[in-house]
């Protein structure tokens, strides 16, 4: 009974009284993540520090509330469980599609389009866009499969690793059906849950709205075909490309993969099913919700905004997994034991990300006004020292720094999103009577977390996707980092100058997007050189 009473006492403290101490849990999580490179332990430490503050320094009560009030409550939330199930099902589906050769068949069918150096680079880019549902699958599949093609065309291994890396996380982070999407939506929801927008804003709608504001991700994807079409490179990549052309013999080709039983339908049909079922269920649940509320405005955005995206994603991914397993058995003739093992391996690959998401939700709950009020306090603090119009840029730089230092975009999003959203909402509220979910600064700041996390991860030598891209492409890892970094930094600089800064001061995003592309073209023409010069 005393143990139970201590929990109730600890959770009843007014979060508004913590002041500067309310910043301690997220700061501890960020600093530890940078120092130790262990995001899970860092998040746990942040949660415990927060629980210790709420428990007035009582370590026994802090342990109890960490386990029961925060970790268990976060894990048992119905929406959170649906996110876990969707992500596991998507991971399992990707594992089965890889094992059955569906994705490899798509790559094999498109690879003959690569007849020139420009065509080879564009083919890798196109395939990267097609394999949009998982960044790990993208890196491993493209690098290993396209290596013989790019070797034949005298495209350097460094360039191949850059092409693979640039179409892995950026594509999966943008896709509405991927192993990323539920986690990203869940983190946005976690940030909104501690604000005045908790009851009115829809996380899925805001996630979609951030897509044009994720400047680095969009322009990094466009920079790849620009480099290929203009035939220009610069810095260390230019030297690598010239060395590849000047080499007396192309590098040894990788052995051809056994393509018996591979068929593109093994990948296309399951993914198409996920899209159709997910969209259909969102529309159906959205229409039912509007009918229950007697709302007459049945616009597409209103329907999607009121639809149950978590339910739709679960049943969409379940349909895709079942179809992938059936096709693997009927078309590729895989045994059910091999199919189950492939599904389990695919699900296992996303397990670490789900742990990060779970802990991020728990830390977000602690920073709520009910406990520490971190976002509200930070918003009030920044209001007197920082123009809210600078927040998209500040958030982008902060997310980039954390992701570069930790090597994880997932961990960065998990740490920052629950902190950034309430902070920006609080700052906006101090400048206007009401805060709208469509506010460009809020949407751009959320987009900056998502884009900055990928930018920092893209640059980081300890990032898992950076390592996978270099390994799958047969490229020296240090050489990959050295040649890719100038390209990533160039796009990152354009993302600030032509993106996050002007959008904060009211410049329409639809004007900035083509302006950024023009800036990238000018940059390549100004400092890039043709490889054959």
Protein backbone atom coordinates (compact mmCIF):
# COMPACT_ATOMS: atom_id res chain seq x y z
CA UNK A 1 0.00 0.00 0.00
CA UNK A 2 2.85 2.41 0.86
CA UNK A 3 4.44 1.65 -2.53
CA UNK A 4 1.15 2.46 -4.29
CA UNK A 5 0.72 5.67 -2.30
CA UNK A 6 4.22 6.81 -3.21
CA UNK A 7 3.34 6.43 -6.89
CA UNK A 8 0.19 8.49 -6.53
CA UNK A 9 2.04 11.15 -4.57
CA UNK A 10 4.81 11.32 -7.15
CA UNK A 11 2.44 11.71 -10.09
CA UNK A 12 0.40 14.44 -8.45
CA UNK A 13 3.13 17.06 -8.37
CA UNK A 14 2.41 20.21 -10.41
CA UNK A 15 4.72 20.21 -13.42
CA UNK A 16 4.68 24.00 -13.67
CA UNK A 17 6.98 24.34 -10.63
CA UNK A 18 10.04 22.59 -12.05
CA UNK A 19 11.40 25.42 -14.18
CA UNK A 20 14.93 24.81 -15.41
CA UNK A 21 14.96 21.33 -13.87
CA UNK A 22 12.28 20.29 -16.36
CA UNK A 23 14.96 20.49 -19.09
CA UNK A 24 17.18 17.94 -17.33
CA UNK A 25 15.64 14.66 -18.66
CA UNK A 26 15.85 15.51 -22.40
CA UNK A 27 19.27 17.14 -21.94
CA UNK A 28 20.57 14.03 -20.16
CA UNK A 29 19.16 11.84 -22.95
CA UNK A 30 20.75 13.96 -25.69
CA UNK A 31 24.17 14.31 -24.02
CA UNK A 32 24.39 10.64 -23.10
CA UNK A 33 23.35 9.60 -26.61
CA UNK A 34 26.10 11.75 -28.11
CA UNK A 35 28.75 10.57 -25.64
CA UNK A 36 27.89 6.86 -25.47
CA UNK A 37 26.29 6.35 -28.91
CA UNK A 38 23.70 4.21 -27.07
CA UNK A 39 20.30 5.77 -27.59
CA UNK A 40 18.29 3.17 -25.65
CA UNK A 41 20.30 3.53 -22.45
CA UNK A 42 20.29 7.32 -22.85
CA UNK A 43 16.51 7.49 -23.17
CA UNK A 44 16.09 5.22 -20.15
CA UNK A 45 18.40 7.47 -18.14
CA UNK A 46 16.37 10.51 -19.17
CA UNK A 47 13.13 8.82 -18.13
CA UNK A 48 14.56 7.84 -14.75
CA UNK A 49 15.90 11.36 -14.11
CA UNK A 50 12.46 12.76 -14.90
CA UNK A 51 10.77 10.26 -12.61
CA UNK A 52 13.28 11.12 -9.89
CA UNK A 53 12.40 14.81 -10.17
CA UNK A 54 8.67 14.09 -10.01
CA UNK A 55 9.26 11.80 -7.00
CA UNK A 56 11.05 14.62 -5.13
CA UNK A 57 14.33 12.71 -5.18
CA UNK A 58 12.97 9.42 -3.79
CA UNK A 59 14.80 6.71 -5.79
CA UNK A 60 12.42 3.89 -4.79
CA UNK A 61 9.39 5.88 -5.91
CA UNK A 62 11.25 6.89 -9.07
CA UNK A 63 11.91 3.24 -9.99
CA UNK A 64 8.25 2.38 -9.37
CA UNK A 65 6.90 5.25 -11.44
CA UNK A 66 9.43 4.61 -14.23
CA UNK A 67 8.22 1.05 -14.59
CA UNK A 68 4.49 1.40 -13.89
CA UNK A 69 3.41 4.97 -14.58
CA UNK A 70 5.60 5.68 -17.60
CA UNK A 71 7.03 2.58 -19.32
CA UNK A 72 4.04 0.29 -18.83
CA UNK A 73 1.50 3.01 -19.62
CA UNK A 74 3.36 3.86 -22.81
CA UNK A 75 3.57 0.21 -23.86
CA UNK A 76 -0.08 -0.62 -23.15
CA UNK A 77 -1.57 2.36 -25.02
CA UNK A 78 -3.87 1.04 -27.78
CA UNK A 79 -2.54 3.34 -30.51
CA UNK A 80 1.03 2.57 -29.53
CA UNK A 81 0.37 -1.16 -29.79
CA UNK A 82 -1.05 -0.69 -33.29
CA UNK A 83 2.13 1.16 -34.30
CA UNK A 84 4.23 -1.72 -32.96
CA UNK A 85 2.12 -4.30 -34.80
CA UNK A 86 2.22 -2.39 -38.10
CA UNK A 87 5.98 -1.90 -37.99
CA UNK A 88 6.59 -5.56 -37.14
CA UNK A 89 4.25 -6.71 -39.92
CA UNK A 90 5.94 -4.41 -42.44
CA UNK A 91 9.36 -5.66 -41.38
CA UNK A 92 8.17 -9.24 -41.77
CA UNK A 93 6.70 -8.48 -45.20
CA UNK A 94 9.98 -6.93 -46.38
CA UNK A 95 11.87 -9.98 -45.10
CA UNK A 96 9.62 -12.36 -47.06
CA UNK A 97 9.83 -10.23 -50.24
CA UNK A 98 13.62 -10.25 -50.02
CA UNK A 99 13.79 -14.01 -49.49
CA UNK A 100 11.38 -14.71 -52.34
CA UNK A 101 13.39 -12.57 -54.76
CA UNK A 102 10.57 -10.16 -55.58
CA UNK A 103 12.64 -7.00 -55.11
CA UNK A 104 15.67 -8.53 -56.82
CA UNK A 105 13.47 -9.35 -59.83
CA UNK A 106 12.43 -5.70 -60.12
CA UNK A 107 16.06 -4.59 -60.02
CA UNK A 108 17.09 -7.23 -62.55
CA UNK A 109 14.33 -6.13 -64.92
CA UNK A 110 15.29 -2.46 -64.83
CA UNK A 111 19.09 -2.85 -64.78
CA UNK A 112 19.39 -3.29 -68.61
CA UNK A 113 18.28 0.37 -68.95
CA UNK A 114 21.77 1.35 -67.76
CA UNK A 115 23.83 1.72 -70.95
CA UNK A 116 25.78 4.91 -70.19
CA UNK A 117 27.30 6.46 -67.09
CA UNK A 118 24.38 8.87 -66.85
CA UNK A 119 21.88 6.05 -67.44
CA UNK A 120 23.55 3.88 -64.82
CA UNK A 121 23.29 6.56 -62.14
CA UNK A 122 19.68 7.33 -63.05
CA UNK A 123 18.83 3.62 -62.95
CA UNK A 124 20.18 3.24 -59.41
CA UNK A 125 18.23 6.36 -58.42
CA UNK A 126 15.03 5.07 -60.00
CA UNK A 127 15.36 1.70 -58.30
CA UNK A 128 15.96 3.48 -55.00
CA UNK A 129 12.62 5.24 -55.43
CA UNK A 130 10.90 1.94 -56.22
CA UNK A 131 12.30 0.13 -53.17
CA UNK A 132 10.71 2.70 -50.87
CA UNK A 133 9.38 0.53 -48.07
CA UNK A 134 12.57 -0.08 -46.06
CA UNK A 135 15.94 1.66 -45.95
CA UNK A 136 17.95 -1.43 -45.00
CA UNK A 137 16.42 -3.47 -47.82
CA UNK A 138 17.12 -0.57 -50.18
CA UNK A 139 20.81 -0.32 -49.25
CA UNK A 140 21.54 -4.04 -49.31
CA UNK A 141 19.57 -4.80 -52.45
CA UNK A 142 20.73 -1.91 -54.63
CA UNK A 143 24.38 -2.04 -53.64
CA UNK A 144 24.83 -5.76 -54.17
CA UNK A 145 22.69 -5.98 -57.30
CA UNK A 146 23.84 -2.88 -59.17
CA UNK A 147 27.55 -3.23 -58.44
CA UNK A 148 28.33 -5.31 -61.57
CA UNK A 149 26.40 -2.81 -63.72
CA UNK A 150 28.16 0.27 -62.35
CA UNK A 151 31.54 -1.48 -62.53
CA UNK A 152 30.95 -2.16 -66.22
CA UNK A 153 30.09 1.50 -66.80
CA UNK A 154 33.18 2.69 -64.89
CA UNK A 155 31.11 4.36 -62.19
CA UNK A 156 33.18 4.45 -59.02
CA UNK A 157 32.23 2.41 -55.99
CA UNK A 158 32.17 5.69 -54.06
CA UNK A 159 29.51 7.06 -56.42
CA UNK A 160 27.47 3.86 -56.14
CA UNK A 161 27.58 4.03 -52.34
CA UNK A 162 26.44 7.67 -52.52
CA UNK A 163 23.56 6.77 -54.86
CA UNK A 164 22.47 3.92 -52.59
CA UNK A 165 22.77 5.94 -49.38
CA UNK A 166 20.88 8.90 -50.86
CA UNK A 167 17.87 6.78 -51.80
CA UNK A 168 17.62 4.73 -48.60
CA UNK A 169 16.49 6.71 -45.54
CA UNK A 170 15.26 9.74 -47.56
CA UNK A 171 12.86 7.60 -49.58
CA UNK A 172 11.66 5.47 -46.66
CA UNK A 173 11.21 8.57 -44.49
CA UNK A 174 8.95 10.19 -47.09
CA UNK A 175 6.92 7.14 -48.13
CA UNK A 176 3.40 6.84 -46.74
CA UNK A 177 3.81 3.05 -46.70
CA UNK A 178 7.14 1.98 -45.19
CA UNK A 179 8.73 0.62 -42.05
CA UNK A 180 9.22 4.26 -41.00
CA UNK A 181 5.79 5.80 -41.37
CA UNK A 182 4.03 4.54 -38.23
CA UNK A 183 6.99 5.50 -36.06
CA UNK A 184 7.13 9.00 -37.52
CA UNK A 185 3.38 9.48 -37.10
CA UNK A 186 3.58 8.09 -33.58
CA UNK A 187 6.30 10.56 -32.62
CA UNK A 188 4.31 13.47 -34.04
CA UNK A 189 1.34 12.26 -32.01
CA UNK A 190 3.52 12.06 -28.91
CA UNK A 191 4.55 15.69 -29.39
CA UNK A 192 0.99 16.87 -29.98
CA UNK A 193 -0.34 14.95 -26.96
CA UNK A 194 1.24 17.43 -24.55
CA UNK A 195 -0.16 20.55 -26.27
CA UNK A 196 -3.45 22.40 -26.70
CA UNK A 197 -3.72 20.72 -30.10
CA UNK A 198 -4.03 17.24 -28.60
CA UNK A 199 -7.80 17.01 -29.22
CA UNK A 200 -8.03 18.86 -32.54
CA UNK A 201 -4.89 18.00 -34.53
CA UNK A 202 -4.46 14.74 -36.46
CA UNK A 203 -0.92 13.36 -36.49
CA UNK A 204 -1.34 11.66 -39.88
CA UNK A 205 -2.55 14.85 -41.57
CA UNK A 206 0.32 16.84 -40.09
CA UNK A 207 2.80 14.16 -41.14
CA UNK A 208 1.57 14.45 -44.73
CA UNK A 209 1.63 18.25 -44.49
CA UNK A 210 5.33 18.18 -43.53
CA UNK A 211 6.40 16.49 -46.77
CA UNK A 212 7.01 19.71 -48.78
CA UNK A 213 8.77 21.22 -45.73
CA UNK A 214 11.37 18.44 -45.48
CA UNK A 215 13.76 20.41 -47.65
CA UNK A 216 16.91 18.34 -47.16
CA UNK A 217 15.18 15.05 -47.89
CA UNK A 218 13.51 16.32 -51.07
CA UNK A 219 16.57 18.11 -52.42
CA UNK A 220 18.95 15.27 -51.52
CA UNK A 221 16.79 12.99 -53.64
CA UNK A 222 16.76 15.50 -56.51
CA UNK A 223 20.48 16.19 -56.27
CA UNK A 224 21.23 12.63 -57.41
CA UNK A 225 19.64 12.92 -60.89
CA UNK A 226 20.96 16.48 -61.26
CA UNK A 227 24.52 15.21 -60.77
CA UNK A 228 23.89 12.46 -63.33
CA UNK A 229 22.14 14.62 -65.94
CA UNK A 230 24.62 17.50 -65.74
CA UNK A 231 27.53 15.06 -65.68
CA UNK A 232 29.34 17.11 -63.06
CA UNK A 233 31.02 16.18 -59.81
CA UNK A 234 33.19 18.02 -57.32
CA UNK A 235 35.56 17.56 -54.39
CA UNK A 236 36.58 14.01 -53.43
CA UNK A 237 33.82 12.46 -55.57
CA UNK A 238 35.28 14.04 -58.72
CA UNK A 239 38.66 12.45 -58.01
CA UNK A 240 37.04 9.06 -57.33
CA UNK A 241 35.10 9.20 -60.60
CA UNK A 242 38.16 10.19 -62.63
CA UNK A 243 40.15 7.38 -61.05
CA UNK A 244 37.42 4.89 -61.97
CA UNK A 245 37.45 6.03 -65.60
CA UNK A 246 41.24 6.04 -65.81
CA UNK A 247 41.62 2.58 -64.27
CA UNK A 248 43.10 0.09 -66.79
CA UNK A 249 40.47 -2.50 -65.92
CA UNK A 250 37.06 -2.28 -64.30
CA UNK A 251 36.88 -3.85 -60.82
CA UNK A 252 35.97 -7.51 -60.68
CA UNK A 253 32.29 -8.10 -61.06
CA UNK A 254 30.29 -9.64 -58.29
CA UNK A 255 28.97 -13.12 -59.01
CA UNK A 256 25.53 -13.19 -60.57
CA UNK A 257 22.69 -13.96 -58.20
CA UNK A 258 20.62 -17.09 -58.62
CA UNK A 259 17.37 -15.77 -60.06
CA UNK A 260 15.42 -19.01 -60.28
CA UNK A 261 11.81 -18.44 -59.27
CA UNK A 262 12.22 -14.68 -58.85
CA UNK A 263 9.23 -12.66 -60.02
CA UNK A 264 8.39 -8.99 -59.71
CA UNK A 265 4.86 -9.85 -58.56
CA UNK A 266 6.30 -11.14 -55.26
CA UNK A 267 7.05 -7.53 -54.31
CA UNK A 268 4.60 -5.42 -56.34
CA UNK A 269 1.39 -7.21 -55.33
CA UNK A 270 1.99 -7.13 -51.53
CA UNK A 271 3.03 -3.46 -51.58
CA UNK A 272 0.06 -2.53 -53.77
CA UNK A 273 -2.22 -4.39 -51.37
CA UNK A 274 -0.84 -2.44 -48.40
CA UNK A 275 -1.51 0.84 -50.19
CA UNK A 276 -5.03 -0.07 -51.35
CA UNK A 277 -6.21 -1.54 -48.03
CA UNK A 278 -4.65 1.25 -45.96
CA UNK A 279 -6.13 4.04 -48.05
CA UNK A 280 -9.49 2.27 -48.25
CA UNK A 281 -9.73 1.82 -44.49
CA UNK A 282 -8.68 5.41 -43.79
CA UNK A 283 -11.43 6.63 -46.12
CA UNK A 284 -14.01 4.23 -44.63
CA UNK A 285 -13.22 5.08 -41.00
CA UNK A 286 -13.02 8.78 -41.86
CA UNK A 287 -16.45 8.75 -43.47
CA UNK A 288 -17.91 6.89 -40.50
CA UNK A 289 -16.37 9.37 -38.08
CA UNK A 290 -17.77 12.34 -40.01
CA UNK A 291 -21.20 10.71 -40.06
CA UNK A 292 -21.12 10.20 -36.29
CA UNK A 293 -20.19 13.86 -35.81
CA UNK A 294 -22.84 15.04 -38.32
CA UNK A 295 -20.13 16.86 -40.27
CA UNK A 296 -21.21 17.77 -43.80
CA UNK A 297 -17.78 18.80 -45.14
CA UNK A 298 -16.67 15.52 -46.73
CA UNK A 299 -13.50 16.83 -48.38
CA UNK A 300 -10.60 14.44 -48.93
CA UNK A 301 -8.44 16.08 -46.26
CA UNK A 302 -11.33 16.08 -43.80
CA UNK A 303 -11.98 12.39 -44.44
CA UNK A 304 -8.29 11.50 -44.08
CA UNK A 305 -7.97 13.71 -41.00
CA UNK A 306 -10.81 11.87 -39.25
CA UNK A 307 -9.82 8.39 -40.44
CA UNK A 308 -8.22 5.86 -38.11
CA UNK A 309 -4.78 5.69 -39.69
CA UNK A 310 -3.38 3.33 -37.03
CA UNK A 311 -6.11 0.75 -37.63
CA UNK A 312 -5.75 1.12 -41.41
CA UNK A 313 -1.97 0.64 -41.31
CA UNK A 314 -2.26 -2.53 -39.22
CA UNK A 315 -4.74 -4.27 -41.50
CA UNK A 316 -3.03 -2.98 -44.64
CA UNK A 317 0.32 -4.42 -43.56
CA UNK A 318 -1.31 -7.67 -42.43
CA UNK A 319 -2.87 -8.07 -45.89
CA UNK A 320 0.49 -7.37 -47.54
CA UNK A 321 2.32 -9.88 -45.35
CA UNK A 322 -0.20 -12.65 -46.01
CA UNK A 323 -0.01 -12.05 -49.77
CA UNK A 324 3.81 -11.94 -49.69
CA UNK A 325 3.90 -15.29 -47.87
CA UNK A 326 1.37 -16.84 -50.26
CA UNK A 327 3.24 -15.64 -53.36
CA UNK A 328 6.57 -16.79 -51.95
CA UNK A 329 5.12 -20.28 -51.60
CA UNK A 330 3.20 -20.44 -54.89
CA UNK A 331 5.53 -18.53 -57.23
CA UNK A 332 9.01 -19.04 -55.77
CA UNK A 333 8.17 -22.41 -54.20
CA UNK A 334 9.67 -21.47 -50.86
CA UNK A 335 8.78 -23.82 -48.03
CA UNK A 336 6.70 -22.51 -45.17
CA UNK A 337 9.57 -22.96 -42.73
CA UNK A 338 11.82 -20.73 -44.87
CA UNK A 339 9.01 -18.19 -45.20
CA UNK A 340 8.46 -18.08 -41.43
CA UNK A 341 12.19 -17.64 -40.84
CA UNK A 342 12.35 -14.79 -43.39
CA UNK A 343 9.37 -13.08 -41.77
CA UNK A 344 10.89 -13.44 -38.30
CA UNK A 345 14.22 -12.05 -39.50
CA UNK A 346 12.51 -9.08 -41.14
CA UNK A 347 10.49 -8.33 -38.01
CA UNK A 348 13.62 -8.63 -35.88
CA UNK A 349 15.37 -5.92 -37.90
CA UNK A 350 12.85 -3.28 -36.79
CA UNK A 351 12.84 -4.38 -33.15
CA UNK A 352 15.50 -1.91 -32.07
CA UNK A 353 13.62 0.98 -33.59
CA UNK A 354 10.46 0.00 -31.71
CA UNK A 355 12.32 0.03 -28.39
CA UNK A 356 13.52 3.56 -29.15
CA UNK A 357 9.98 4.59 -30.04
CA UNK A 358 8.58 3.09 -26.84
CA UNK A 359 11.10 4.94 -24.66
CA UNK A 360 10.55 8.17 -26.60
CA UNK A 361 6.84 7.95 -25.87
CA UNK A 362 7.57 7.45 -22.18
CA UNK A 363 9.94 10.43 -22.07
CA UNK A 364 7.37 12.52 -23.91
CA UNK A 365 4.77 11.69 -21.27
CA UNK A 366 7.14 12.87 -18.55
CA UNK A 367 7.67 16.22 -20.25
CA UNK A 368 3.90 16.81 -20.31
CA UNK A 369 2.45 19.65 -18.22
CA UNK A 370 0.96 16.97 -15.94
CA UNK A 371 4.49 16.15 -14.78
CA UNK A 372 7.45 18.39 -15.75
CA UNK A 373 5.98 20.80 -18.30
CA UNK A 374 9.25 20.84 -20.25
CA UNK A 375 7.88 22.00 -23.59
CA UNK A 376 5.82 24.77 -22.09
CA UNK A 377 8.72 26.03 -19.97
CA UNK A 378 11.17 25.87 -22.87
CA UNK A 379 8.69 27.71 -25.08
CA UNK A 380 8.36 30.51 -22.54
CA UNK A 381 12.14 30.62 -22.12
CA UNK A 382 12.84 30.82 -25.85
CA UNK A 383 10.06 33.35 -26.41
CA UNK A 384 12.12 36.03 -24.68
CA UNK A 385 15.42 35.13 -26.36
CA UNK A 386 14.62 33.64 -29.79
CA UNK A 387 12.37 34.70 -32.64
CA UNK A 388 9.86 31.90 -33.28
CA UNK A 389 10.47 32.39 -37.01
CA UNK A 390 13.95 30.94 -36.54
CA UNK A 391 12.66 27.71 -35.01
CA UNK A 392 12.57 25.64 -38.24
CA UNK A 393 16.26 26.44 -38.77
CA UNK A 394 17.28 25.96 -35.14
CA UNK A 395 15.46 22.62 -35.01
CA UNK A 396 17.04 21.46 -38.29
CA UNK A 397 20.55 22.28 -37.06
CA UNK A 398 19.93 20.66 -33.66
CA UNK A 399 18.49 17.48 -35.19
CA UNK A 400 21.39 17.31 -37.65
CA UNK A 401 23.96 17.64 -34.87
CA UNK A 402 22.34 14.99 -32.68
CA UNK A 403 21.93 12.54 -35.59
CA UNK A 404 25.52 13.09 -36.77
CA UNK A 405 26.85 12.50 -33.27
CA UNK A 406 24.71 9.46 -32.50
CA UNK A 407 24.50 7.91 -35.96
CA UNK A 408 20.77 7.27 -35.67
CA UNK A 409 17.90 9.14 -37.29
CA UNK A 410 15.33 7.10 -35.37
CA UNK A 411 16.90 7.93 -32.02
CA UNK A 412 17.16 11.60 -32.94
CA UNK A 413 13.50 11.80 -33.89
CA UNK A 414 12.57 9.93 -30.73
CA UNK A 415 14.48 12.32 -28.49
CA UNK A 416 13.62 15.62 -30.17
CA UNK A 417 10.09 15.33 -31.56
CA UNK A 418 8.29 15.15 -28.20
CA UNK A 419 10.28 18.19 -27.09
CA UNK A 420 10.14 20.33 -30.23
CA UNK A 421 6.38 20.19 -30.87
CA UNK A 422 5.21 21.54 -27.48
CA UNK A 423 8.02 24.10 -27.48
CA UNK A 424 7.00 25.55 -30.85
CA UNK A 425 3.30 25.43 -29.95
CA UNK A 426 4.04 27.33 -26.74
CA UNK A 427 6.06 29.96 -28.61
CA UNK A 428 3.37 30.39 -31.24
CA UNK A 429 0.68 30.69 -28.57
CA UNK A 430 2.59 33.57 -27.00
CA UNK A 431 2.49 35.40 -30.34
CA UNK A 432 -1.15 34.80 -31.31
CA UNK A 433 -4.51 34.09 -29.77
CA UNK A 434 -4.75 30.56 -31.20
CA UNK A 435 -2.43 27.96 -32.67
CA UNK A 436 -3.46 26.10 -35.81
CA UNK A 437 -2.16 22.64 -36.83
CA UNK A 438 -1.63 24.13 -40.31
CA UNK A 439 0.69 26.89 -39.06
CA UNK A 440 3.70 26.84 -41.44
CA UNK A 441 6.22 27.37 -38.65
CA UNK A 442 4.85 24.43 -36.66
CA UNK A 443 4.68 22.17 -39.72
CA UNK A 444 8.15 23.27 -40.87
CA UNK A 445 9.62 22.66 -37.41
CA UNK A 446 8.20 19.12 -37.35
CA UNK A 447 9.53 18.62 -40.87
CA UNK A 448 12.92 19.92 -39.70
CA UNK A 449 13.13 17.20 -37.05
CA UNK A 450 12.42 14.53 -39.68
CA UNK A 451 14.74 16.06 -42.30
CA UNK A 452 17.52 17.06 -39.91
CA UNK A 453 17.62 13.56 -38.44
CA UNK A 454 18.15 12.11 -41.92
CA UNK A 455 20.73 14.78 -42.85
CA UNK A 456 22.85 14.13 -39.77
CA UNK A 457 22.48 10.39 -40.21
CA UNK A 458 23.46 10.76 -43.88
CA UNK A 459 26.70 12.52 -42.93
CA UNK A 460 27.60 10.40 -39.92
CA UNK A 461 30.37 7.79 -40.29
CA UNK A 462 28.78 5.71 -37.51
CA UNK A 463 25.30 5.58 -39.07
CA UNK A 464 24.00 2.08 -39.77
CA UNK A 465 22.72 3.01 -43.25
CA UNK A 466 26.05 4.68 -44.09
CA UNK A 467 27.89 1.52 -43.09
CA UNK A 468 25.45 -0.74 -44.95
CA UNK A 469 25.65 1.39 -48.10
CA UNK A 470 29.44 1.23 -48.24
CA UNK A 471 29.51 -2.51 -47.48
CA UNK A 472 26.81 -3.41 -50.01
CA UNK A 473 28.53 -1.29 -52.68
CA UNK A 474 31.96 -2.80 -52.08
CA UNK A 475 33.33 0.62 -51.17
CA UNK A 476 35.85 1.52 -48.49
CA UNK A 477 33.79 3.03 -45.68
CA UNK A 478 36.07 6.01 -45.05
CA UNK A 479 36.13 6.74 -48.79
CA UNK A 480 32.32 6.66 -48.87
CA UNK A 481 32.04 9.12 -45.99
CA UNK A 482 34.72 11.41 -47.46
CA UNK A 483 33.13 11.54 -50.92
CA UNK A 484 29.51 11.80 -49.75
CA UNK A 485 30.02 14.47 -47.09
CA UNK A 486 30.59 17.45 -49.45
CA UNK A 487 27.40 16.58 -51.36
CA UNK A 488 25.33 16.21 -48.18
CA UNK A 489 26.71 19.43 -46.69
CA UNK A 490 25.99 21.33 -49.92
CA UNK A 491 22.37 20.19 -49.95
CA UNK A 492 22.13 20.90 -46.21
CA UNK A 493 23.34 24.48 -46.71
CA UNK A 494 20.81 25.03 -49.52
CA UNK A 495 18.12 23.57 -47.24
CA UNK A 496 18.78 26.31 -44.71
CA UNK A 497 19.34 29.23 -47.08
CA UNK A 498 16.49 28.43 -49.47
CA UNK A 499 14.28 26.46 -47.10
CA UNK A 500 14.06 26.67 -43.33
CA UNK A 501 15.10 30.33 -43.00
CA UNK A 502 12.75 31.92 -45.56
CA UNK A 503 9.80 29.65 -44.71
CA UNK A 504 10.01 30.83 -41.12
CA UNK A 505 9.63 34.42 -42.32
CA UNK A 506 6.53 33.67 -44.36
CA UNK A 507 7.86 32.79 -47.83
CA UNK A 508 5.47 30.20 -49.38
CA UNK A 509 6.91 26.70 -49.49
CA UNK A 510 5.74 26.19 -53.08
CA UNK A 511 7.97 29.08 -54.15
CA UNK A 512 10.94 27.78 -52.16
CA UNK A 513 10.92 24.24 -53.57
CA UNK A 514 11.75 25.24 -57.19
CA UNK A 515 14.09 27.95 -55.88
CA UNK A 516 16.09 25.32 -54.03
CA UNK A 517 16.33 23.13 -57.11
CA UNK A 518 17.59 26.13 -59.11
CA UNK A 519 20.18 26.79 -56.41
CA UNK A 520 21.42 23.20 -56.64
CA UNK A 521 21.74 23.47 -60.44
CA UNK A 522 23.70 26.73 -60.11
CA UNK A 523 25.91 25.13 -57.46
CA UNK A 524 26.77 22.18 -59.71
CA UNK A 525 27.45 24.42 -62.71
CA UNK A 526 29.62 26.73 -60.61
CA UNK A 527 31.82 24.28 -58.72
CA UNK A 528 31.23 20.98 -60.53
CA UNK A 529 33.49 19.69 -63.27
CA UNK A 530 32.89 17.09 -65.94
CA UNK A 531 34.56 13.80 -65.14
CA UNK A 532 36.01 13.40 -68.64
CA UNK A 533 37.64 16.86 -68.75
